[in-house]
Amino acid sequence: MSLEFEYSTTRVRGMRSKLLSATRLRQLLEVKSTSEMIQLLEETDYNEDFVAQSTKFSGMELIMRALHENFKHTLQKLVRINPEEGQKALKLLLQEYEIQNISTIISAKAGDLTITDSDLMVVGKDEKREVEKLLLAKNVPDILKKMHKTEYGQALRKIEAQYLKTGDFRILTRALGIYYFEKLHRLSPGREDLLWKLLALKYGVRNLMIILRVKKSNPKADAIGYLPSKEDRFLKELSRMDDFGKIMQRVAQKRPHLASAVEECQKQNSLIPLEIALEGEFIEEILNLLKFAMLDFAAILGYLYLKELEVAAIRKIAYAKQYGFTGELKGMIFSFNAG
């Protein structure tokens, strides 16, 4: 891409330097309480959001709110510093959060659940207005009516009859995921492009974990139906298998470097060790790719993925601290700001 990205990528390199180091992450993991976690996080780039949210919240709720606001502010900053040439791509990438918001509202309306601000990631004013309309919907069919004239209307109309027949709201959320993934694929069709490599890395990890979670819950389930893309032959193979132990063995056989994590999963009867190993591998791959993304939009996307993973890691540590299973996260010591 052009030198228009020189300013934005320089800013992003500065933002990357403020991501957590392995040492800081280890400190968060080793402290004994959420209060001590808050103190440590107030010494980092999260400080302003903790200070702002501390007037209303405390403890675990403060951590969740501050992380949510910090990530939202990060997305808004990326929009501000992104040049015109990258606006189309960034808008599409941020559409993932818009779809997550719609899916969250659909799920909540289906289960008659309450939604709070921290359940949604609303970046722009236009999106805020659309979200407010959906929040006023009486039920899921009312949401579908409100969405008929939106970008997602056609995708939802195709499966609306199936939803009304079964009452399974997951049909709708999967349709939104498929619609987004197909649109995302058109953004970067070149498989050797840095942007596509980053996208493939992210969705490769996500899709494998979706398959394994579905099969762990119900080994006989057709897990491939839960994915937005059904192109991966290995995932199709796993979906056809109906013995979870053999599925995990196949993962270790296909990806030998994950064999020890698979073995640990079987000992703990948990997918957490494998998820941690995959995240570590994902982070390492992003950092390697970013060495070649000096003045490229991929540098912005790579940073966004690192930030997303960092926030998720802090959330996991906070929950582990709250419920006393920190030991399961001992392998989650990554450096997000290397390079």
C-alpha atoms as a PDB file:
ATOM      1  CA  MET A   1       0.000   0.000   0.000  1.00  0.00           C
ATOM      2  CA  SER A   2       1.036   3.656  -0.343  1.00  0.00           C
ATOM      3  CA  LEU A   3       2.954   5.935   1.969  1.00  0.00           C
ATOM      4  CA  GLU A   4      -0.407   7.208   3.215  1.00  0.00           C
ATOM      5  CA  PHE A   5      -0.010   4.499   5.843  1.00  0.00           C
ATOM      6  CA  GLU A   6       3.291   5.885   7.135  1.00  0.00           C
ATOM      7  CA  TYR A   7       1.593   8.065   9.769  1.00  0.00           C
ATOM      8  CA  SER A   8      -0.941   5.451  10.897  1.00  0.00           C
ATOM      9  CA  THR A   9       1.548   2.581  11.051  1.00  0.00           C
ATOM     10  CA  THR A  10       3.983   4.761  13.015  1.00  0.00           C
ATOM     11  CA  ARG A  11       1.193   5.522  15.488  1.00  0.00           C
ATOM     12  CA  VAL A  12       0.308   1.836  15.670  1.00  0.00           C
ATOM     13  CA  ARG A  13       3.923   0.914  16.455  1.00  0.00           C
ATOM     14  CA  GLY A  14       3.719   3.339  19.372  1.00  0.00           C
ATOM     15  CA  MET A  15       0.463   1.720  20.518  1.00  0.00           C
ATOM     16  CA  ARG A  16       2.046  -1.728  20.235  1.00  0.00           C
ATOM     17  CA  SER A  17       4.859  -0.630  22.541  1.00  0.00           C
ATOM     18  CA  LYS A  18       2.250  -0.102  25.276  1.00  0.00           C
ATOM     19  CA  LEU A  19       0.883  -3.625  25.077  1.00  0.00           C
ATOM     20  CA  LEU A  20       1.646  -5.835  28.044  1.00  0.00           C
ATOM     21  CA  SER A  21       5.016  -7.523  28.358  1.00  0.00           C
ATOM     22  CA  ALA A  22       5.401 -11.128  29.488  1.00  0.00           C
ATOM     23  CA  THR A  23       6.670  -9.795  32.828  1.00  0.00           C
ATOM     24  CA  ARG A  24       3.565  -7.680  33.413  1.00  0.00           C
ATOM     25  CA  LEU A  25       1.267 -10.532  32.431  1.00  0.00           C
ATOM     26  CA  ARG A  26       3.108 -12.841  34.840  1.00  0.00           C
ATOM     27  CA  GLN A  27       2.620 -10.276  37.623  1.00  0.00           C
ATOM     28  CA  LEU A  28      -1.125 -10.163  36.926  1.00  0.00           C
ATOM     29  CA  LEU A  29      -1.249 -13.938  37.102  1.00  0.00           C
ATOM     30  CA  GLU A  30       0.715 -14.139  40.353  1.00  0.00           C
ATOM     31  CA  VAL A  31      -1.076 -11.525  42.488  1.00  0.00           C
ATOM     32  CA  LYS A  32      -3.592 -12.939  44.942  1.00  0.00           C
ATOM     33  CA  SER A  33      -6.671 -10.780  44.352  1.00  0.00           C
ATOM     34  CA  THR A  34      -8.575  -8.713  41.794  1.00  0.00           C
ATOM     35  CA  SER A  35      -7.758  -5.618  43.875  1.00  0.00           C
ATOM     36  CA  GLU A  36      -4.050  -6.210  43.327  1.00  0.00           C
ATOM     37  CA  MET A  37      -4.762  -6.784  39.622  1.00  0.00           C
ATOM     38  CA  ILE A  38      -6.444  -3.388  39.450  1.00  0.00           C
ATOM     39  CA  GLN A  39      -3.441  -1.721  41.082  1.00  0.00           C
ATOM     40  CA  LEU A  40      -1.092  -3.264  38.526  1.00  0.00           C
ATOM     41  CA  LEU A  41      -3.322  -2.368  35.575  1.00  0.00           C
ATOM     42  CA  GLU A  42      -3.506   1.236  36.796  1.00  0.00           C
ATOM     43  CA  GLU A  43       0.251   1.398  36.143  1.00  0.00           C
ATOM     44  CA  THR A  44      -0.296   0.550  32.467  1.00  0.00           C
ATOM     45  CA  ASP A  45      -2.003   2.111  29.442  1.00  0.00           C
ATOM     46  CA  TYR A  46      -5.338   1.025  30.983  1.00  0.00           C
ATOM     47  CA  ASN A  47      -5.040   3.618  33.743  1.00  0.00           C
ATOM     48  CA  GLU A  48      -7.382   6.291  32.335  1.00  0.00           C
ATOM     49  CA  ASP A  49     -10.198   3.809  31.820  1.00  0.00           C
ATOM     50  CA  PHE A  50      -9.833   2.373  35.317  1.00  0.00           C
ATOM     51  CA  VAL A  51      -9.898   5.867  36.807  1.00  0.00           C
ATOM     52  CA  ALA A  52     -12.988   6.832  34.756  1.00  0.00           C
ATOM     53  CA  GLN A  53     -14.910   3.663  35.632  1.00  0.00           C
ATOM     54  CA  SER A  54     -13.879   3.575  39.315  1.00  0.00           C
ATOM     55  CA  THR A  55     -16.441   6.307  40.124  1.00  0.00           C
ATOM     56  CA  LYS A  56     -19.249   3.815  39.372  1.00  0.00           C
ATOM     57  CA  PHE A  57     -17.778   0.331  39.750  1.00  0.00           C
ATOM     58  CA  SER A  58     -15.353  -1.674  41.853  1.00  0.00           C
ATOM     59  CA  GLY A  59     -13.764  -5.122  41.962  1.00  0.00           C
ATOM     60  CA  MET A  60     -14.497  -7.542  39.148  1.00  0.00           C
ATOM     61  CA  GLU A  61     -17.101  -5.254  37.562  1.00  0.00           C
ATOM     62  CA  LEU A  62     -14.541  -2.439  37.437  1.00  0.00           C
ATOM     63  CA  ILE A  63     -12.053  -4.671  35.608  1.00  0.00           C
ATOM     64  CA  MET A  64     -14.628  -5.780  33.025  1.00  0.00           C
ATOM     65  CA  ARG A  65     -15.928  -2.237  32.431  1.00  0.00           C
ATOM     66  CA  ALA A  66     -12.458  -0.689  32.163  1.00  0.00           C
ATOM     67  CA  LEU A  67     -11.283  -3.370  29.719  1.00  0.00           C
ATOM     68  CA  HIS A  68     -14.414  -2.885  27.629  1.00  0.00           C
ATOM     69  CA  GLU A  69     -14.001   0.899  27.472  1.00  0.00           C
ATOM     70  CA  ASN A  70     -10.288   0.655  26.745  1.00  0.00           C
ATOM     71  CA  PHE A  71     -10.879  -1.657  23.800  1.00  0.00           C
ATOM     72  CA  LYS A  72     -13.685   0.538  22.479  1.00  0.00           C
ATOM     73  CA  HIS A  73     -11.427   3.599  22.681  1.00  0.00           C
ATOM     74  CA  THR A  74      -8.718   1.627  20.852  1.00  0.00           C
ATOM     75  CA  LEU A  75     -11.113   0.855  17.984  1.00  0.00           C
ATOM     76  CA  GLN A  76     -12.192   4.503  17.803  1.00  0.00           C
ATOM     77  CA  LYS A  77      -8.556   5.628  17.719  1.00  0.00           C
ATOM     78  CA  LEU A  78      -7.762   3.233  14.866  1.00  0.00           C
ATOM     79  CA  VAL A  79     -10.639   4.758  12.896  1.00  0.00           C
ATOM     80  CA  ARG A  80      -9.261   8.274  13.506  1.00  0.00           C
ATOM     81  CA  ILE A  81      -5.680   7.537  12.455  1.00  0.00           C
ATOM     82  CA  ASN A  82      -6.487   5.264   9.522  1.00  0.00           C
ATOM     83  CA  PRO A  83      -5.973   6.963   6.109  1.00  0.00           C
ATOM     84  CA  GLU A  84      -8.727   7.140   3.513  1.00  0.00           C
ATOM     85  CA  GLU A  85      -7.151   4.283   1.551  1.00  0.00           C
ATOM     86  CA  GLY A  86      -7.686   1.932   4.493  1.00  0.00           C
ATOM     87  CA  GLN A  87     -11.127   3.136   5.619  1.00  0.00           C
ATOM     88  CA  LYS A  88     -13.065   0.584   3.555  1.00  0.00           C
ATOM     89  CA  ALA A  89     -11.009  -2.308   4.894  1.00  0.00           C
ATOM     90  CA  LEU A  90     -11.149  -1.088   8.495  1.00  0.00           C
ATOM     91  CA  LYS A  91     -14.909  -0.498   8.294  1.00  0.00           C
ATOM     92  CA  LEU A  92     -15.393  -4.082   7.157  1.00  0.00           C
ATOM     93  CA  LEU A  93     -13.140  -5.452   9.884  1.00  0.00           C
ATOM     94  CA  LEU A  94     -15.004  -3.456  12.538  1.00  0.00           C
ATOM     95  CA  GLN A  95     -18.257  -4.852  11.164  1.00  0.00           C
ATOM     96  CA  GLU A  96     -17.395  -8.018  13.083  1.00  0.00           C
ATOM     97  CA  TYR A  97     -18.225  -6.173  16.313  1.00  0.00           C
ATOM     98  CA  GLU A  98     -21.461  -4.855  14.818  1.00  0.00           C
ATOM     99  CA  ILE A  99     -22.496  -8.419  13.995  1.00  0.00           C
ATOM    100  CA  GLN A 100     -21.480  -9.534  17.486  1.00  0.00           C
ATOM    101  CA  ASN A 101     -23.765  -6.821  18.881  1.00  0.00           C
ATOM    102  CA  ILE A 102     -26.701  -7.990  16.758  1.00  0.00           C
ATOM    103  CA  SER A 103     -26.060 -11.620  17.729  1.00  0.00           C
ATOM    104  CA  THR A 104     -25.868 -10.672  21.417  1.00  0.00           C
ATOM    105  CA  ILE A 105     -29.185  -8.806  21.219  1.00  0.00           C
ATOM    106  CA  ILE A 106     -30.846 -11.706  19.384  1.00  0.00           C
ATOM    107  CA  SER A 107     -29.559 -14.167  22.001  1.00  0.00           C
ATOM    108  CA  ALA A 108     -30.707 -11.958  24.861  1.00  0.00           C
ATOM    109  CA  LYS A 109     -34.186 -11.403  23.393  1.00  0.00           C
ATOM    110  CA  ALA A 110     -34.533 -15.157  22.770  1.00  0.00           C
ATOM    111  CA  GLY A 111     -33.663 -15.925  26.385  1.00  0.00           C
ATOM    112  CA  ASP A 112     -35.436 -12.911  27.888  1.00  0.00           C
ATOM    113  CA  LEU A 113     -32.133 -11.688  29.324  1.00  0.00           C
ATOM    114  CA  THR A 114     -31.009  -8.177  30.266  1.00  0.00           C
ATOM    115  CA  ILE A 115     -28.239  -6.507  28.257  1.00  0.00           C
ATOM    116  CA  THR A 116     -25.781  -4.034  29.780  1.00  0.00           C
ATOM    117  CA  ASP A 117     -23.460  -1.562  28.053  1.00  0.00           C
ATOM    118  CA  SER A 118     -20.487  -3.868  28.605  1.00  0.00           C
ATOM    119  CA  ASP A 119     -22.205  -6.646  26.633  1.00  0.00           C
ATOM    120  CA  LEU A 120     -21.992  -4.588  23.438  1.00  0.00           C
ATOM    121  CA  MET A 121     -19.088  -3.032  21.534  1.00  0.00           C
ATOM    122  CA  VAL A 122     -20.560   0.085  19.896  1.00  0.00           C
ATOM    123  CA  VAL A 123     -17.894   2.104  18.078  1.00  0.00           C
ATOM    124  CA  GLY A 124     -19.700   4.782  16.039  1.00  0.00           C
ATOM    125  CA  LYS A 125     -22.755   7.026  16.382  1.00  0.00           C
ATOM    126  CA  ASP A 126     -24.592   5.423  13.463  1.00  0.00           C
ATOM    127  CA  GLU A 127     -24.126   1.988  14.949  1.00  0.00           C
ATOM    128  CA  LYS A 128     -25.325   3.274  18.320  1.00  0.00           C
ATOM    129  CA  ARG A 129     -28.616   4.390  16.768  1.00  0.00           C
ATOM    130  CA  GLU A 130     -29.114   1.008  15.087  1.00  0.00           C
ATOM    131  CA  VAL A 131     -28.335  -0.860  18.320  1.00  0.00           C
ATOM    132  CA  GLU A 132     -30.823   1.287  20.240  1.00  0.00           C
ATOM    133  CA  LYS A 133     -33.542   0.390  17.712  1.00  0.00           C
ATOM    134  CA  LEU A 134     -32.856  -3.322  18.142  1.00  0.00           C
ATOM    135  CA  LEU A 135     -32.824  -3.034  21.932  1.00  0.00           C
ATOM    136  CA  LEU A 136     -36.386  -1.672  21.753  1.00  0.00           C
ATOM    137  CA  ALA A 137     -37.567  -4.777  19.862  1.00  0.00           C
ATOM    138  CA  LYS A 138     -40.147  -6.872  21.731  1.00  0.00           C
ATOM    139  CA  ASN A 139     -38.758 -10.222  20.623  1.00  0.00           C
ATOM    140  CA  VAL A 140     -36.650 -11.951  17.963  1.00  0.00           C
ATOM    141  CA  PRO A 141     -39.305 -11.783  15.182  1.00  0.00           C
ATOM    142  CA  ASP A 142     -39.550  -8.039  15.876  1.00  0.00           C
ATOM    143  CA  ILE A 143     -35.753  -7.765  15.470  1.00  0.00           C
ATOM    144  CA  LEU A 144     -36.035  -9.499  12.095  1.00  0.00           C
ATOM    145  CA  LYS A 145     -38.663  -6.968  10.989  1.00  0.00           C
ATOM    146  CA  LYS A 146     -36.442  -4.080  12.029  1.00  0.00           C
ATOM    147  CA  MET A 147     -33.536  -5.565  10.072  1.00  0.00           C
ATOM    148  CA  HIS A 148     -35.383  -6.211   6.798  1.00  0.00           C
ATOM    149  CA  LYS A 149     -34.136  -2.976   5.215  1.00  0.00           C
ATOM    150  CA  THR A 150     -30.591  -3.195   6.566  1.00  0.00           C
ATOM    151  CA  GLU A 151     -27.529  -4.687   4.925  1.00  0.00           C
ATOM    152  CA  TYR A 152     -28.246  -7.969   6.695  1.00  0.00           C
ATOM    153  CA  GLY A 153     -31.882  -8.202   5.640  1.00  0.00           C
ATOM    154  CA  GLN A 154     -31.406 -10.486   2.659  1.00  0.00           C
ATOM    155  CA  ALA A 155     -29.168 -12.953   4.534  1.00  0.00           C
ATOM    156  CA  LEU A 156     -31.694 -13.186   7.373  1.00  0.00           C
ATOM    157  CA  ARG A 157     -34.746 -13.461   5.117  1.00  0.00           C
ATOM    158  CA  LYS A 158     -33.264 -16.574   3.518  1.00  0.00           C
ATOM    159  CA  ILE A 159     -33.412 -18.480   6.810  1.00  0.00           C
ATOM    160  CA  GLU A 160     -36.283 -16.639   8.550  1.00  0.00           C
ATOM    161  CA  ALA A 161     -38.807 -19.398   7.761  1.00  0.00           C
ATOM    162  CA  GLN A 162     -36.423 -22.003   9.191  1.00  0.00           C
ATOM    163  CA  TYR A 163     -36.040 -19.961  12.366  1.00  0.00           C
ATOM    164  CA  LEU A 164     -39.807 -19.476  12.755  1.00  0.00           C
ATOM    165  CA  LYS A 165     -40.305 -23.226  12.305  1.00  0.00           C
ATOM    166  CA  THR A 166     -37.647 -24.325  14.812  1.00  0.00           C
ATOM    167  CA  GLY A 167     -37.408 -21.344  17.186  1.00  0.00           C
ATOM    168  CA  ASP A 168     -33.634 -21.855  17.267  1.00  0.00           C
ATOM    169  CA  PHE A 169     -32.081 -18.362  17.293  1.00  0.00           C
ATOM    170  CA  ARG A 170     -28.639 -19.832  16.543  1.00  0.00           C
ATOM    171  CA  ILE A 171     -29.805 -20.253  12.935  1.00  0.00           C
ATOM    172  CA  LEU A 172     -29.883 -16.451  12.720  1.00  0.00           C
ATOM    173  CA  THR A 173     -26.547 -15.800  14.405  1.00  0.00           C
ATOM    174  CA  ARG A 174     -24.843 -18.408  12.205  1.00  0.00           C
ATOM    175  CA  ALA A 175     -26.343 -16.769   9.099  1.00  0.00           C
ATOM    176  CA  LEU A 176     -24.842 -13.436  10.180  1.00  0.00           C
ATOM    177  CA  GLY A 177     -21.446 -15.097  10.687  1.00  0.00           C
ATOM    178  CA  ILE A 178     -21.560 -16.707   7.252  1.00  0.00           C
ATOM    179  CA  TYR A 179     -22.565 -13.418   5.627  1.00  0.00           C
ATOM    180  CA  TYR A 180     -19.663 -11.603   7.292  1.00  0.00           C
ATOM    181  CA  PHE A 181     -17.080 -14.255   6.482  1.00  0.00           C
ATOM    182  CA  GLU A 182     -18.044 -14.285   2.786  1.00  0.00           C
ATOM    183  CA  LYS A 183     -17.763 -10.496   2.673  1.00  0.00           C
ATOM    184  CA  LEU A 184     -14.435 -10.626   4.503  1.00  0.00           C
ATOM    185  CA  HIS A 185     -13.093 -13.155   2.022  1.00  0.00           C
ATOM    186  CA  ARG A 186     -13.731 -10.709  -0.824  1.00  0.00           C
ATOM    187  CA  LEU A 187     -11.674  -8.066   0.986  1.00  0.00           C
ATOM    188  CA  SER A 188      -8.403  -9.921   0.455  1.00  0.00           C
ATOM    189  CA  PRO A 189      -8.675 -12.749  -2.074  1.00  0.00           C
ATOM    190  CA  GLY A 190      -4.887 -13.071  -2.523  1.00  0.00           C
ATOM    191  CA  ARG A 191      -3.683 -15.955  -0.345  1.00  0.00           C
ATOM    192  CA  GLU A 192      -0.108 -14.585  -0.261  1.00  0.00           C
ATOM    193  CA  ASP A 193      -1.244 -11.152   0.887  1.00  0.00           C
ATOM    194  CA  LEU A 194      -0.205 -10.252   4.463  1.00  0.00           C
ATOM    195  CA  LEU A 195      -3.749  -9.169   5.251  1.00  0.00           C
ATOM    196  CA  TRP A 196      -5.179 -12.502   4.136  1.00  0.00           C
ATOM    197  CA  LYS A 197      -2.530 -14.404   6.106  1.00  0.00           C
ATOM    198  CA  LEU A 198      -3.584 -12.568   9.280  1.00  0.00           C
ATOM    199  CA  LEU A 199      -7.256 -13.250   8.608  1.00  0.00           C
ATOM    200  CA  ALA A 200      -6.530 -16.919   7.880  1.00  0.00           C
ATOM    201  CA  LEU A 201      -4.550 -17.230  11.126  1.00  0.00           C
ATOM    202  CA  LYS A 202      -7.331 -15.774  13.235  1.00  0.00           C
ATOM    203  CA  TYR A 203     -10.163 -17.772  11.725  1.00  0.00           C
ATOM    204  CA  GLY A 204      -8.070 -20.934  11.590  1.00  0.00           C
ATOM    205  CA  VAL A 205      -7.651 -20.853  15.378  1.00  0.00           C
ATOM    206  CA  ARG A 206     -11.258 -19.805  15.977  1.00  0.00           C
ATOM    207  CA  ASN A 207     -12.743 -22.474  13.706  1.00  0.00           C
ATOM    208  CA  LEU A 208     -10.657 -25.287  15.198  1.00  0.00           C
ATOM    209  CA  MET A 209     -11.761 -24.322  18.716  1.00  0.00           C
ATOM    210  CA  ILE A 210     -15.418 -24.127  17.625  1.00  0.00           C
ATOM    211  CA  ILE A 211     -15.200 -27.656  16.206  1.00  0.00           C
ATOM    212  CA  LEU A 212     -13.550 -29.013  19.362  1.00  0.00           C
ATOM    213  CA  ARG A 213     -16.001 -27.329  21.748  1.00  0.00           C
ATOM    214  CA  VAL A 214     -18.986 -28.663  19.801  1.00  0.00           C
ATOM    215  CA  LYS A 215     -17.534 -32.178  19.586  1.00  0.00           C
ATOM    216  CA  LYS A 216     -16.545 -32.211  23.274  1.00  0.00           C
ATOM    217  CA  SER A 217     -20.142 -31.396  24.188  1.00  0.00           C
ATOM    218  CA  ASN A 218     -21.634 -33.835  21.653  1.00  0.00           C
ATOM    219  CA  PRO A 219     -19.154 -36.030  19.722  1.00  0.00           C
ATOM    220  CA  LYS A 220     -21.856 -37.142  17.277  1.00  0.00           C
ATOM    221  CA  ALA A 221     -22.830 -33.575  16.319  1.00  0.00           C
ATOM    222  CA  ASP A 222     -22.191 -32.202  12.835  1.00  0.00           C
ATOM    223  CA  ALA A 223     -19.877 -29.438  14.066  1.00  0.00           C
ATOM    224  CA  ILE A 224     -19.066 -28.090  10.604  1.00  0.00           C
ATOM    225  CA  GLY A 225     -22.488 -26.428  10.526  1.00  0.00           C
ATOM    226  CA  TYR A 226     -21.332 -24.036  13.249  1.00  0.00           C
ATOM    227  CA  LEU A 227     -18.600 -22.548  11.056  1.00  0.00           C
ATOM    228  CA  PRO A 228     -18.941 -19.533   8.747  1.00  0.00           C
ATOM    229  CA  SER A 229     -16.670 -21.284   6.220  1.00  0.00           C
ATOM    230  CA  LYS A 230     -16.751 -24.981   5.348  1.00  0.00           C
ATOM    231  CA  GLU A 231     -13.685 -25.087   3.089  1.00  0.00           C
ATOM    232  CA  ASP A 232     -11.141 -26.614   5.502  1.00  0.00           C
ATOM    233  CA  ARG A 233     -10.722 -30.336   4.773  1.00  0.00           C
ATOM    234  CA  PHE A 234      -9.166 -31.095   8.167  1.00  0.00           C
ATOM    235  CA  LEU A 235     -12.089 -29.520  10.027  1.00  0.00           C
ATOM    236  CA  LYS A 236     -14.510 -31.508   7.870  1.00  0.00           C
ATOM    237  CA  GLU A 237     -12.601 -34.651   8.837  1.00  0.00           C
ATOM    238  CA  LEU A 238     -12.866 -33.812  12.551  1.00  0.00           C
ATOM    239  CA  SER A 239     -16.570 -33.079  12.194  1.00  0.00           C
ATOM    240  CA  ARG A 240     -17.197 -36.544  10.717  1.00  0.00           C
ATOM    241  CA  MET A 241     -15.528 -38.286  13.686  1.00  0.00           C
ATOM    242  CA  ASP A 242     -17.725 -39.285  16.643  1.00  0.00           C
ATOM    243  CA  ASP A 243     -15.135 -40.214  19.304  1.00  0.00           C
ATOM    244  CA  PHE A 244     -13.749 -37.135  21.088  1.00  0.00           C
ATOM    245  CA  GLY A 245     -10.623 -38.957  22.287  1.00  0.00           C
ATOM    246  CA  LYS A 246      -9.766 -39.932  18.713  1.00  0.00           C
ATOM    247  CA  ILE A 247     -10.534 -36.381  17.554  1.00  0.00           C
ATOM    248  CA  MET A 248      -7.931 -35.019  19.967  1.00  0.00           C
ATOM    249  CA  GLN A 249      -5.434 -37.679  18.875  1.00  0.00           C
ATOM    250  CA  ARG A 250      -5.975 -36.616  15.271  1.00  0.00           C
ATOM    251  CA  VAL A 251      -5.287 -32.979  16.211  1.00  0.00           C
ATOM    252  CA  ALA A 252      -2.001 -34.021  17.850  1.00  0.00           C
ATOM    253  CA  GLN A 253      -1.113 -36.125  14.796  1.00  0.00           C
ATOM    254  CA  LYS A 254      -1.903 -33.302  12.359  1.00  0.00           C
ATOM    255  CA  ARG A 255      -0.123 -30.660  14.442  1.00  0.00           C
ATOM    256  CA  PRO A 256       2.649 -32.470  16.407  1.00  0.00           C
ATOM    257  CA  HIS A 257       3.818 -29.291  18.131  1.00  0.00           C
ATOM    258  CA  LEU A 258       0.455 -29.267  19.974  1.00  0.00           C
ATOM    259  CA  ALA A 259       0.794 -32.859  21.223  1.00  0.00           C
ATOM    260  CA  SER A 260       1.766 -31.873  24.790  1.00  0.00           C
ATOM    261  CA  ALA A 261      -1.179 -29.426  24.997  1.00  0.00           C
ATOM    262  CA  VAL A 262      -3.550 -32.148  23.745  1.00  0.00           C
ATOM    263  CA  GLU A 263      -2.195 -34.540  26.363  1.00  0.00           C
ATOM    264  CA  GLU A 264      -2.745 -31.927  29.072  1.00  0.00           C
ATOM    265  CA  CYS A 265      -6.326 -31.393  27.830  1.00  0.00           C
ATOM    266  CA  GLN A 266      -7.014 -35.090  28.258  1.00  0.00           C
ATOM    267  CA  LYS A 267      -5.570 -35.076  31.800  1.00  0.00           C
ATOM    268  CA  GLN A 268      -7.642 -32.044  32.836  1.00  0.00           C
ATOM    269  CA  ASN A 269     -10.741 -32.931  30.778  1.00  0.00           C
ATOM    270  CA  SER A 270     -10.566 -29.334  29.553  1.00  0.00           C
ATOM    271  CA  LEU A 271      -9.762 -27.582  26.285  1.00  0.00           C
ATOM    272  CA  ILE A 272      -8.033 -24.692  28.070  1.00  0.00           C
ATOM    273  CA  PRO A 273      -4.434 -25.980  27.611  1.00  0.00           C
ATOM    274  CA  LEU A 274      -4.952 -26.317  23.847  1.00  0.00           C
ATOM    275  CA  GLU A 275      -6.637 -22.928  23.619  1.00  0.00           C
ATOM    276  CA  ILE A 276      -3.674 -21.349  25.416  1.00  0.00           C
ATOM    277  CA  ALA A 277      -1.187 -23.119  23.124  1.00  0.00           C
ATOM    278  CA  LEU A 278      -3.074 -21.993  20.013  1.00  0.00           C
ATOM    279  CA  GLU A 279      -3.232 -18.404  21.257  1.00  0.00           C
ATOM    280  CA  GLY A 280       0.500 -18.432  21.945  1.00  0.00           C
ATOM    281  CA  GLU A 281       1.149 -19.747  18.441  1.00  0.00           C
ATOM    282  CA  PHE A 282      -1.221 -17.132  16.978  1.00  0.00           C
ATOM    283  CA  ILE A 283       0.550 -14.286  18.780  1.00  0.00           C
ATOM    284  CA  GLU A 284       3.962 -15.516  17.637  1.00  0.00           C
ATOM    285  CA  GLU A 285       2.764 -15.744  14.021  1.00  0.00           C
ATOM    286  CA  ILE A 286       1.273 -12.224  14.163  1.00  0.00           C
ATOM    287  CA  LEU A 287       4.527 -10.789  15.514  1.00  0.00           C
ATOM    288  CA  ASN A 288       6.481 -12.552  12.764  1.00  0.00           C
ATOM    289  CA  LEU A 289       4.165 -11.256  10.032  1.00  0.00           C
ATOM    290  CA  LEU A 290       4.277  -7.718  11.423  1.00  0.00           C
ATOM    291  CA  LYS A 291       8.008  -7.617  10.732  1.00  0.00           C
ATOM    292  CA  PHE A 292       7.073  -7.415   7.041  1.00  0.00           C
ATOM    293  CA  ALA A 293       4.101  -5.046   7.442  1.00  0.00           C
ATOM    294  CA  MET A 294       5.972  -1.759   7.768  1.00  0.00           C
ATOM    295  CA  LEU A 295       3.691   0.583   5.776  1.00  0.00           C
ATOM    296  CA  ASP A 296       0.830  -1.814   5.162  1.00  0.00           C
ATOM    297  CA  PHE A 297      -2.742  -1.977   6.458  1.00  0.00           C
ATOM    298  CA  ALA A 298      -1.848  -5.419   7.799  1.00  0.00           C
ATOM    299  CA  ALA A 299       0.145  -3.618  10.531  1.00  0.00           C
ATOM    300  CA  ILE A 300      -3.098  -2.056  11.779  1.00  0.00           C
ATOM    301  CA  LEU A 301      -4.958  -5.353  11.654  1.00  0.00           C
ATOM    302  CA  GLY A 302      -2.111  -7.174  13.393  1.00  0.00           C
ATOM    303  CA  TYR A 303      -2.124  -4.654  16.224  1.00  0.00           C
ATOM    304  CA  LEU A 304      -5.913  -4.932  16.531  1.00  0.00           C
ATOM    305  CA  TYR A 305      -5.655  -8.712  16.904  1.00  0.00           C
ATOM    306  CA  LEU A 306      -2.891  -8.394  19.521  1.00  0.00           C
ATOM    307  CA  LYS A 307      -4.945  -5.885  21.497  1.00  0.00           C
ATOM    308  CA  GLU A 308      -8.019  -8.114  21.310  1.00  0.00           C
ATOM    309  CA  LEU A 309      -5.991 -11.076  22.598  1.00  0.00           C
ATOM    310  CA  GLU A 310      -4.464  -8.988  25.373  1.00  0.00           C
ATOM    311  CA  VAL A 311      -7.881  -7.859  26.642  1.00  0.00           C
ATOM    312  CA  ALA A 312      -9.141 -11.455  26.470  1.00  0.00           C
ATOM    313  CA  ALA A 313      -6.081 -12.650  28.428  1.00  0.00           C
ATOM    314  CA  ILE A 314      -6.662 -10.104  31.204  1.00  0.00           C
ATOM    315  CA  ARG A 315     -10.327 -11.118  31.400  1.00  0.00           C
ATOM    316  CA  LYS A 316      -9.361 -14.786  31.730  1.00  0.00           C
ATOM    317  CA  ILE A 317      -6.885 -13.999  34.492  1.00  0.00           C
ATOM    318  CA  ALA A 318      -9.484 -11.912  36.349  1.00  0.00           C
ATOM    319  CA  TYR A 319     -12.085 -14.697  36.175  1.00  0.00           C
ATOM    320  CA  ALA A 320      -9.478 -17.264  37.215  1.00  0.00           C
ATOM    321  CA  LYS A 321      -8.554 -15.055  40.167  1.00  0.00           C
ATOM    322  CA  GLN A 322     -12.194 -14.630  41.126  1.00  0.00           C
ATOM    323  CA  TYR A 323     -13.054 -18.333  41.014  1.00  0.00           C
ATOM    324  CA  GLY A 324      -9.756 -19.848  42.140  1.00  0.00           C
ATOM    325  CA  PHE A 325      -8.431 -21.702  39.083  1.00  0.00           C
ATOM    326  CA  THR A 326      -5.382 -19.576  38.249  1.00  0.00           C
ATOM    327  CA  GLY A 327      -3.238 -22.708  38.001  1.00  0.00           C
ATOM    328  CA  GLU A 328      -4.913 -23.676  34.731  1.00  0.00           C
ATOM    329  CA  LEU A 329      -3.575 -20.485  33.114  1.00  0.00           C
ATOM    330  CA  LYS A 330       0.088 -20.908  34.059  1.00  0.00           C
ATOM    331  CA  GLY A 331       1.058 -21.431  30.426  1.00  0.00           C
ATOM    332  CA  MET A 332      -0.518 -18.147  29.369  1.00  0.00           C
ATOM    333  CA  ILE A 333       2.605 -15.989  29.607  1.00  0.00           C
ATOM    334  CA  PHE A 334       2.907 -14.220  26.268  1.00  0.00           C
ATOM    335  CA  SER A 335       4.579 -11.010  25.174  1.00  0.00           C
ATOM    336  CA  PHE A 336       2.199  -8.851  23.165  1.00  0.00           C
ATOM    337  CA  ASN A 337       4.656  -6.036  22.443  1.00  0.00           C
ATOM    338  CA  ALA A 338       7.686  -7.905  21.144  1.00  0.00           C
ATOM    339  CA  GLY A 339       9.479  -6.537  18.124  1.00  0.00           C
END
